[in-house]
Amino acid sequence: WVKAFDILMDRLVVAGADLAQIAAVSGTAQQHGSVYWQKG
């Protein structure tokens, strides 16, 4: 999922998105899954 984030942002830029115009961002995801952050 993290690596997909890298690819997605690059594809937005290649597609011509002017990300400086983005005033706000939000998101959604498949429900019920969970992520466990390591200390630090």
All heavy atoms as atom14 arrays in JSON, in Angstrom:
{
  "sequence": "WVKAFDILMDRLVVAGADLAQIAAVSGTAQQHGSVYWQKG",
  "atom14_mask": [
    [1, 1, 1, 1, 1, 1, 1, 1, 1, 1, 1, 1, 1, 1],
    [1, 1, 1, 1, 1, 1, 1, 0, 0, 0, 0, 0, 0, 0],
    [1, 1, 1, 1, 1, 1, 1, 1, 1, 0, 0, 0, 0, 0],
    [1, 1, 1, 1, 1, 0, 0, 0, 0, 0, 0, 0, 0, 0],
    [1, 1, 1, 1, 1, 1, 1, 1, 1, 1, 1, 0, 0, 0],
    [1, 1, 1, 1, 1, 1, 1, 1, 0, 0, 0, 0, 0, 0],
    [1, 1, 1, 1, 1, 1, 1, 1, 0, 0, 0, 0, 0, 0],
    [1, 1, 1, 1, 1, 1, 1, 1, 0, 0, 0, 0, 0, 0],
    [1, 1, 1, 1, 1, 1, 1, 1, 0, 0, 0, 0, 0, 0],
    [1, 1, 1, 1, 1, 1, 1, 1, 0, 0, 0, 0, 0, 0],
    [1, 1, 1, 1, 1, 1, 1, 1, 1, 1, 1, 0, 0, 0],
    [1, 1, 1, 1, 1, 1, 1, 1, 0, 0, 0, 0, 0, 0],
    [1, 1, 1, 1, 1, 1, 1, 0, 0, 0, 0, 0, 0, 0],
    [1, 1, 1, 1, 1, 1, 1, 0, 0, 0, 0, 0, 0, 0],
    [1, 1, 1, 1, 1, 0, 0, 0, 0, 0, 0, 0, 0, 0],
    [1, 1, 1, 1, 0, 0, 0, 0, 0, 0, 0, 0, 0, 0],
    [1, 1, 1, 1, 1, 0, 0, 0, 0, 0, 0, 0, 0, 0],
    [1, 1, 1, 1, 1, 1, 1, 1, 0, 0, 0, 0, 0, 0],
    [1, 1, 1, 1, 1, 1, 1, 1, 0, 0, 0, 0, 0, 0],
    [1, 1, 1, 1, 1, 0, 0, 0, 0, 0, 0, 0, 0, 0],
    [1, 1, 1, 1, 1, 1, 1, 1, 1, 0, 0, 0, 0, 0],
    [1, 1, 1, 1, 1, 1, 1, 1, 0, 0, 0, 0, 0, 0],
    [1, 1, 1, 1, 1, 0, 0, 0, 0, 0, 0, 0, 0, 0],
    [1, 1, 1, 1, 1, 0, 0, 0, 0, 0, 0, 0, 0, 0],
    [1, 1, 1, 1, 1, 1, 1, 0, 0, 0, 0, 0, 0, 0],
    [1, 1, 1, 1, 1, 1, 0, 0, 0, 0, 0, 0, 0, 0],
    [1, 1, 1, 1, 0, 0, 0, 0, 0, 0, 0, 0, 0, 0],
    [1, 1, 1, 1, 1, 1, 1, 0, 0, 0, 0, 0, 0, 0],
    [1, 1, 1, 1, 1, 0, 0, 0, 0, 0, 0, 0, 0, 0],
    [1, 1, 1, 1, 1, 1, 1, 1, 1, 0, 0, 0, 0, 0],
    [1, 1, 1, 1, 1, 1, 1, 1, 1, 0, 0, 0, 0, 0],
    [1, 1, 1, 1, 1, 1, 1, 1, 1, 1, 0, 0, 0, 0],
    [1, 1, 1, 1, 0, 0, 0, 0, 0, 0, 0, 0, 0, 0],
    [1, 1, 1, 1, 1, 1, 0, 0, 0, 0, 0, 0, 0, 0],
    [1, 1, 1, 1, 1, 1, 1, 0, 0, 0, 0, 0, 0, 0],
    [1, 1, 1, 1, 1, 1, 1, 1, 1, 1, 1, 1, 0, 0],
    [1, 1, 1, 1, 1, 1, 1, 1, 1, 1, 1, 1, 1, 1],
    [1, 1, 1, 1, 1, 1, 1, 1, 1, 0, 0, 0, 0, 0],
    [1, 1, 1, 1, 1, 1, 1, 1, 1, 0, 0, 0, 0, 0],
    [1, 1, 1, 1, 0, 0, 0, 0, 0, 0, 0, 0, 0, 0]
  ],
  "atom14_positions": [
    [[0.83, -1.2, 0.0], [0.0, 0.0, 0.0], [0.87, 1.26, 0.0], [0.56, 2.23, -0.7], [-0.92, 0.0, 1.22], [-1.9, -1.13, 1.26], [-2.41, -1.82, 0.2], [-2.49, -1.7, 2.43], [-3.29, -2.78, 0.64], [-3.36, -2.73, 2.0], [-2.39, -1.45, 3.8], [-4.12, -3.49, 2.9], [-3.13, -2.2, 4.69], [-3.98, -3.23, 4.24]],
    [[1.96, 1.23, 0.78], [2.86, 2.39, 0.84], [3.5, 2.63, -0.53], [3.56, 3.77, -1.02], [3.95, 2.19, 1.91], [4.91, 3.38, 1.92], [3.33, 2.0, 3.29], [0.0, 0.0, 0.0], [0.0, 0.0, 0.0], [0.0, 0.0, 0.0], [0.0, 0.0, 0.0], [0.0, 0.0, 0.0], [0.0, 0.0, 0.0], [0.0, 0.0, 0.0]],
    [[3.98, 1.56, -1.15], [4.62, 1.69, -2.46], [3.61, 2.17, -3.5], [3.96, 2.94, -4.41], [5.23, 0.36, -2.87], [6.27, 0.46, -3.95], [7.03, -0.84, -4.13], [8.13, -0.71, -5.17], [8.89, -1.99, -5.34], [0.0, 0.0, 0.0], [0.0, 0.0, 0.0], [0.0, 0.0, 0.0], [0.0, 0.0, 0.0], [0.0, 0.0, 0.0]],
    [[2.34, 1.72, -3.37], [1.3, 2.19, -4.29], [1.11, 3.7, -4.17], [0.81, 4.38, -5.16], [-0.01, 1.47, -3.99], [0.0, 0.0, 0.0], [0.0, 0.0, 0.0], [0.0, 0.0, 0.0], [0.0, 0.0, 0.0], [0.0, 0.0, 0.0], [0.0, 0.0, 0.0], [0.0, 0.0, 0.0], [0.0, 0.0, 0.0], [0.0, 0.0, 0.0]],
    [[1.3, 4.23, -2.96], [1.21, 5.68, -2.75], [2.26, 6.41, -3.59], [1.96, 7.43, -4.22], [1.42, 5.99, -1.26], [0.3, 6.76, -0.63], [-0.85, 6.12, -0.22], [0.39, 8.13, -0.46], [-1.89, 6.82, 0.36], [-0.64, 8.84, 0.12], [-1.78, 8.18, 0.53], [0.0, 0.0, 0.0], [0.0, 0.0, 0.0], [0.0, 0.0, 0.0]],
    [[3.49, 5.89, -3.56], [4.55, 6.5, -4.38], [4.16, 6.53, -5.85], [4.29, 7.55, -6.54], [5.85, 5.68, -4.24], [6.49, 5.82, -2.87], [6.48, 6.93, -2.32], [7.03, 4.81, -2.36], [0.0, 0.0, 0.0], [0.0, 0.0, 0.0], [0.0, 0.0, 0.0], [0.0, 0.0, 0.0], [0.0, 0.0, 0.0], [0.0, 0.0, 0.0]],
    [[3.69, 5.38, -6.34], [3.34, 5.26, -7.76], [2.17, 6.18, -8.1], [2.15, 6.85, -9.13], [2.99, 3.8, -8.11], [4.2, 2.89, -7.86], [2.53, 3.68, -9.57], [3.89, 1.41, -8.0], [0.0, 0.0, 0.0], [0.0, 0.0, 0.0], [0.0, 0.0, 0.0], [0.0, 0.0, 0.0], [0.0, 0.0, 0.0], [0.0, 0.0, 0.0]],
    [[1.16, 6.21, -7.21], [-0.04, 7.02, -7.46], [0.32, 8.49, -7.6], [-0.18, 9.18, -8.51], [-1.04, 6.82, -6.33], [-2.42, 7.45, -6.57], [-3.27, 6.54, -7.45], [-3.14, 7.73, -5.26], [0.0, 0.0, 0.0], [0.0, 0.0, 0.0], [0.0, 0.0, 0.0], [0.0, 0.0, 0.0], [0.0, 0.0, 0.0], [0.0, 0.0, 0.0]],
    [[1.14, 9.01, -6.71], [1.51, 10.42, -6.77], [2.25, 10.74, -8.07], [2.01, 11.77, -8.7], [2.35, 10.79, -5.55], [1.58, 10.82, -4.25], [0.25, 12.07, -4.28], [-0.85, 11.43, -3.02], [0.0, 0.0, 0.0], [0.0, 0.0, 0.0], [0.0, 0.0, 0.0], [0.0, 0.0, 0.0], [0.0, 0.0, 0.0], [0.0, 0.0, 0.0]],
    [[3.15, 9.84, -8.47], [3.85, 10.05, -9.74], [2.87, 10.05, -10.91], [3.01, 10.85, -11.85], [4.9, 8.97, -9.94], [6.14, 9.19, -9.07], [6.42, 10.35, -8.74], [6.81, 8.19, -8.74], [0.0, 0.0, 0.0], [0.0, 0.0, 0.0], [0.0, 0.0, 0.0], [0.0, 0.0, 0.0], [0.0, 0.0, 0.0], [0.0, 0.0, 0.0]],
    [[1.88, 9.18, -10.87], [0.91, 9.12, -11.97], [0.04, 10.37, -12.02], [-0.37, 10.8, -13.1], [0.06, 7.85, -11.84], [0.84, 6.61, -12.21], [0.02, 5.34, -12.2], [0.86, 4.21, -12.61], [0.47, 2.95, -12.62], [-0.77, 2.62, -12.27], [1.31, 1.99, -13.0], [0.0, 0.0, 0.0], [0.0, 0.0, 0.0], [0.0, 0.0, 0.0]],
    [[-0.28, 10.93, -10.86], [-1.02, 12.19, -10.85], [-0.21, 13.29, -11.55], [-0.75, 14.05, -12.37], [-1.33, 12.61, -9.42], [-2.51, 11.92, -8.74], [-2.54, 12.26, -7.25], [-3.84, 12.34, -9.38], [0.0, 0.0, 0.0], [0.0, 0.0, 0.0], [0.0, 0.0, 0.0], [0.0, 0.0, 0.0], [0.0, 0.0, 0.0], [0.0, 0.0, 0.0]],
    [[1.08, 13.35, -11.25], [1.93, 14.37, -11.85], [2.05, 14.15, -13.36], [1.9, 15.08, -14.16], [3.33, 14.35, -11.19], [4.28, 15.29, -11.94], [3.23, 14.75, -9.72], [0.0, 0.0, 0.0], [0.0, 0.0, 0.0], [0.0, 0.0, 0.0], [0.0, 0.0, 0.0], [0.0, 0.0, 0.0], [0.0, 0.0, 0.0], [0.0, 0.0, 0.0]],
    [[2.27, 12.89, -13.77], [2.4, 12.57, -15.19], [1.1, 12.87, -15.94], [1.12, 13.32, -17.1], [2.8, 11.1, -15.38], [2.7, 10.68, -16.84], [4.2, 10.86, -14.86], [0.0, 0.0, 0.0], [0.0, 0.0, 0.0], [0.0, 0.0, 0.0], [0.0, 0.0, 0.0], [0.0, 0.0, 0.0], [0.0, 0.0, 0.0], [0.0, 0.0, 0.0]],
    [[-0.04, 12.68, -15.28], [-1.34, 12.93, -15.91], [-1.65, 14.42, -16.02], [-2.68, 14.79, -16.6], [-2.44, 12.22, -15.13], [0.0, 0.0, 0.0], [0.0, 0.0, 0.0], [0.0, 0.0, 0.0], [0.0, 0.0, 0.0], [0.0, 0.0, 0.0], [0.0, 0.0, 0.0], [0.0, 0.0, 0.0], [0.0, 0.0, 0.0], [0.0, 0.0, 0.0]],
    [[-0.8, 15.25, -15.45], [-0.98, 16.69, -15.59], [-1.66, 17.37, -14.43], [-2.05, 18.54, -14.54], [0.0, 0.0, 0.0], [0.0, 0.0, 0.0], [0.0, 0.0, 0.0], [0.0, 0.0, 0.0], [0.0, 0.0, 0.0], [0.0, 0.0, 0.0], [0.0, 0.0, 0.0], [0.0, 0.0, 0.0], [0.0, 0.0, 0.0], [0.0, 0.0, 0.0]],
    [[-1.8, 16.68, -13.31], [-2.44, 17.31, -12.14], [-1.58, 18.44, -11.61], [-0.36, 18.29, -11.46], [-2.67, 16.26, -11.05], [0.0, 0.0, 0.0], [0.0, 0.0, 0.0], [0.0, 0.0, 0.0], [0.0, 0.0, 0.0], [0.0, 0.0, 0.0], [0.0, 0.0, 0.0], [0.0, 0.0, 0.0], [0.0, 0.0, 0.0], [0.0, 0.0, 0.0]],
    [[-2.2, 19.57, -11.34], [-1.52, 20.69, -10.69], [-1.78, 20.58, -9.19], [-2.77, 21.11, -8.68], [-2.05, 22.01, -11.25], [-1.3, 23.22, -10.67], [-0.41, 23.01, -9.81], [-1.65, 24.35, -11.04], [0.0, 0.0, 0.0], [0.0, 0.0, 0.0], [0.0, 0.0, 0.0], [0.0, 0.0, 0.0], [0.0, 0.0, 0.0], [0.0, 0.0, 0.0]],
    [[-0.91, 19.86, -8.51], [-1.15, 19.55, -7.11], [-1.07, 20.79, -6.22], [-1.56, 20.76, -5.09], [-0.17, 18.47, -6.65], [-0.28, 17.13, -7.4], [0.74, 16.13, -6.89], [-1.69, 16.57, -7.28], [0.0, 0.0, 0.0], [0.0, 0.0, 0.0], [0.0, 0.0, 0.0], [0.0, 0.0, 0.0], [0.0, 0.0, 0.0], [0.0, 0.0, 0.0]],
    [[-0.5, 21.86, -6.74], [-0.48, 23.1, -5.96], [-1.87, 23.7, -5.81], [-2.1, 24.54, -4.93], [0.46, 24.11, -6.64], [0.0, 0.0, 0.0], [0.0, 0.0, 0.0], [0.0, 0.0, 0.0], [0.0, 0.0, 0.0], [0.0, 0.0, 0.0], [0.0, 0.0, 0.0], [0.0, 0.0, 0.0], [0.0, 0.0, 0.0], [0.0, 0.0, 0.0]],
    [[-2.82, 23.27, -6.67], [-4.19, 23.77, -6.59], [-5.05, 22.98, -5.6], [-6.19, 23.36, -5.34], [-4.85, 23.7, -7.98], [-4.19, 24.59, -9.03], [-4.37, 26.06, -8.73], [-5.37, 26.47, -8.16], [-3.37, 26.87, -9.09], [0.0, 0.0, 0.0], [0.0, 0.0, 0.0], [0.0, 0.0, 0.0], [0.0, 0.0, 0.0], [0.0, 0.0, 0.0]],
    [[-4.52, 21.88, -5.07], [-5.3, 21.07, -4.14], [-5.42, 21.81, -2.8], [-4.44, 22.04, -2.11], [-4.65, 19.69, -3.92], [-4.45, 18.96, -5.25], [-5.48, 18.85, -2.95], [-5.72, 18.63, -5.97], [0.0, 0.0, 0.0], [0.0, 0.0, 0.0], [0.0, 0.0, 0.0], [0.0, 0.0, 0.0], [0.0, 0.0, 0.0], [0.0, 0.0, 0.0]],
    [[-6.66, 22.18, -2.46], [-6.89, 22.92, -1.22], [-7.05, 21.99, -0.02], [-6.75, 22.37, 1.11], [-8.13, 23.8, -1.36], [0.0, 0.0, 0.0], [0.0, 0.0, 0.0], [0.0, 0.0, 0.0], [0.0, 0.0, 0.0], [0.0, 0.0, 0.0], [0.0, 0.0, 0.0], [0.0, 0.0, 0.0], [0.0, 0.0, 0.0], [0.0, 0.0, 0.0]],
    [[-7.54, 20.78, -0.27], [-7.75, 19.82, 0.82], [-7.77, 18.42, 0.24], [-8.15, 18.21, -0.92], [-9.05, 20.11, 1.57], [0.0, 0.0, 0.0], [0.0, 0.0, 0.0], [0.0, 0.0, 0.0], [0.0, 0.0, 0.0], [0.0, 0.0, 0.0], [0.0, 0.0, 0.0], [0.0, 0.0, 0.0], [0.0, 0.0, 0.0], [0.0, 0.0, 0.0]],
    [[-7.39, 17.46, 1.06], [-7.37, 16.06, 0.65], [-7.97, 15.21, 1.76], [-7.79, 15.5, 2.94], [-5.92, 15.59, 0.31], [-4.99, 15.84, 1.48], [-5.9, 14.12, -0.08], [0.0, 0.0, 0.0], [0.0, 0.0, 0.0], [0.0, 0.0, 0.0], [0.0, 0.0, 0.0], [0.0, 0.0, 0.0], [0.0, 0.0, 0.0], [0.0, 0.0, 0.0]],
    [[-8.7, 14.19, 1.36], [-9.21, 13.21, 2.31], [-9.17, 11.86, 1.62], [-8.78, 11.75, 0.45], [-10.63, 13.55, 2.76], [-11.06, 12.67, 3.79], [0.0, 0.0, 0.0], [0.0, 0.0, 0.0], [0.0, 0.0, 0.0], [0.0, 0.0, 0.0], [0.0, 0.0, 0.0], [0.0, 0.0, 0.0], [0.0, 0.0, 0.0], [0.0, 0.0, 0.0]],
    [[-9.53, 10.82, 2.33], [-9.44, 9.5, 1.75], [-10.4, 8.51, 2.37], [-11.08, 8.8, 3.36], [0.0, 0.0, 0.0], [0.0, 0.0, 0.0], [0.0, 0.0, 0.0], [0.0, 0.0, 0.0], [0.0, 0.0, 0.0], [0.0, 0.0, 0.0], [0.0, 0.0, 0.0], [0.0, 0.0, 0.0], [0.0, 0.0, 0.0], [0.0, 0.0, 0.0]],
    [[-10.43, 7.34, 1.77], [-11.26, 6.25, 2.26], [-10.5, 4.95, 2.01], [-9.54, 4.92, 1.25], [-12.62, 6.23, 1.54], [-13.43, 5.18, 2.06], [-12.46, 6.02, 0.04], [0.0, 0.0, 0.0], [0.0, 0.0, 0.0], [0.0, 0.0, 0.0], [0.0, 0.0, 0.0], [0.0, 0.0, 0.0], [0.0, 0.0, 0.0], [0.0, 0.0, 0.0]],
    [[-10.94, 3.89, 2.68], [-10.27, 2.6, 2.52], [-11.22, 1.48, 2.87], [-12.25, 1.69, 3.53], [-9.02, 2.53, 3.39], [0.0, 0.0, 0.0], [0.0, 0.0, 0.0], [0.0, 0.0, 0.0], [0.0, 0.0, 0.0], [0.0, 0.0, 0.0], [0.0, 0.0, 0.0], [0.0, 0.0, 0.0], [0.0, 0.0, 0.0], [0.0, 0.0, 0.0]],
    [[-10.86, 0.28, 2.42], [-11.62, -0.91, 2.76], [-11.8, -0.97, 4.27], [-10.85, -0.78, 5.04], [-10.89, -2.15, 2.26], [-9.42, -2.21, 2.66], [-8.72, -3.46, 2.18], [-9.06, -4.56, 2.58], [-7.72, -3.28, 1.32], [0.0, 0.0, 0.0], [0.0, 0.0, 0.0], [0.0, 0.0, 0.0], [0.0, 0.0, 0.0], [0.0, 0.0, 0.0]],
    [[-13.03, -1.21, 4.71], [-13.29, -1.23, 6.14], [-12.76, -2.52, 6.77], [-12.59, -3.53, 6.12], [-14.79, -1.11, 6.42], [-15.28, 0.32, 6.29], [-16.59, 0.56, 7.01], [-17.65, 0.49, 6.41], [-16.53, 0.85, 8.29], [0.0, 0.0, 0.0], [0.0, 0.0, 0.0], [0.0, 0.0, 0.0], [0.0, 0.0, 0.0], [0.0, 0.0, 0.0]],
    [[-12.53, -2.43, 8.07], [-12.22, -3.55, 8.97], [-10.77, -4.0, 8.93], [-10.37, -4.8, 9.77], [-13.13, -4.76, 8.69], [-14.58, -4.41, 8.58], [-15.26, -3.72, 9.56], [-15.49, -4.63, 7.59], [-16.51, -3.55, 9.18], [-16.68, -4.08, 7.98], [0.0, 0.0, 0.0], [0.0, 0.0, 0.0], [0.0, 0.0, 0.0], [0.0, 0.0, 0.0]],
    [[-9.94, -3.52, 8.0], [-8.52, -3.86, 8.05], [-7.79, -2.98, 9.05], [-8.26, -1.9, 9.41], [0.0, 0.0, 0.0], [0.0, 0.0, 0.0], [0.0, 0.0, 0.0], [0.0, 0.0, 0.0], [0.0, 0.0, 0.0], [0.0, 0.0, 0.0], [0.0, 0.0, 0.0], [0.0, 0.0, 0.0], [0.0, 0.0, 0.0], [0.0, 0.0, 0.0]],
    [[-6.62, -3.43, 9.49], [-5.9, -2.67, 10.52], [-4.4, -2.7, 10.24], [-3.86, -3.65, 9.67], [-6.18, -3.24, 11.91], [-6.12, -4.66, 11.92], [0.0, 0.0, 0.0], [0.0, 0.0, 0.0], [0.0, 0.0, 0.0], [0.0, 0.0, 0.0], [0.0, 0.0, 0.0], [0.0, 0.0, 0.0], [0.0, 0.0, 0.0], [0.0, 0.0, 0.0]],
    [[-3.72, -1.61, 10.66], [-2.28, -1.42, 10.45], [-1.62, -1.21, 11.81], [-2.13, -0.43, 12.63], [-2.01, -0.23, 9.52], [-0.52, 0.06, 9.43], [-2.59, -0.5, 8.13], [0.0, 0.0, 0.0], [0.0, 0.0, 0.0], [0.0, 0.0, 0.0], [0.0, 0.0, 0.0], [0.0, 0.0, 0.0], [0.0, 0.0, 0.0], [0.0, 0.0, 0.0]],
    [[-0.47, -1.85, 12.05], [0.19, -1.85, 13.35], [1.54, -1.14, 13.23], [2.49, -1.67, 12.66], [0.35, -3.3, 13.85], [-1.0, -3.96, 14.03], [-1.71, -4.42, 12.92], [-1.6, -4.08, 15.28], [-2.97, -4.99, 13.05], [-2.86, -4.66, 15.42], [-3.53, -5.1, 14.31], [-4.79, -5.65, 14.45], [0.0, 0.0, 0.0], [0.0, 0.0, 0.0]],
    [[1.58, 0.08, 13.75], [2.77, 0.91, 13.65], [3.79, 0.5, 14.72], [3.48, 0.44, 15.91], [2.41, 2.38, 13.85], [1.49, 2.96, 12.83], [0.13, 3.1, 12.92], [1.86, 3.54, 11.57], [-0.37, 3.7, 11.8], [0.66, 3.99, 10.95], [3.07, 3.71, 10.9], [0.65, 4.61, 9.7], [3.06, 4.33, 9.66], [1.86, 4.77, 9.07]],
    [[5.02, 0.27, 14.28], [6.12, -0.05, 15.18], [6.47, 1.17, 16.03], [6.28, 2.31, 15.61], [7.33, -0.46, 14.35], [8.59, -0.84, 15.11], [8.45, -2.18, 15.78], [8.1, -2.24, 16.96], [8.72, -3.26, 15.05], [0.0, 0.0, 0.0], [0.0, 0.0, 0.0], [0.0, 0.0, 0.0], [0.0, 0.0, 0.0], [0.0, 0.0, 0.0]],
    [[6.94, 0.93, 17.24], [7.39, 2.05, 18.07], [8.45, 2.85, 17.33], [9.38, 2.3, 16.75], [7.93, 1.53, 19.4], [6.85, 0.99, 20.33], [7.42, 0.5, 21.65], [6.29, -0.01, 22.55], [6.8, -0.55, 23.85], [0.0, 0.0, 0.0], [0.0, 0.0, 0.0], [0.0, 0.0, 0.0], [0.0, 0.0, 0.0], [0.0, 0.0, 0.0]],
    [[8.28, 4.17, 17.34], [9.17, 5.05, 16.61], [8.65, 5.46, 15.25], [9.23, 6.35, 14.59], [0.0, 0.0, 0.0], [0.0, 0.0, 0.0], [0.0, 0.0, 0.0], [0.0, 0.0, 0.0], [0.0, 0.0, 0.0], [0.0, 0.0, 0.0], [0.0, 0.0, 0.0], [0.0, 0.0, 0.0], [0.0, 0.0, 0.0], [0.0, 0.0, 0.0]]
  ]
}
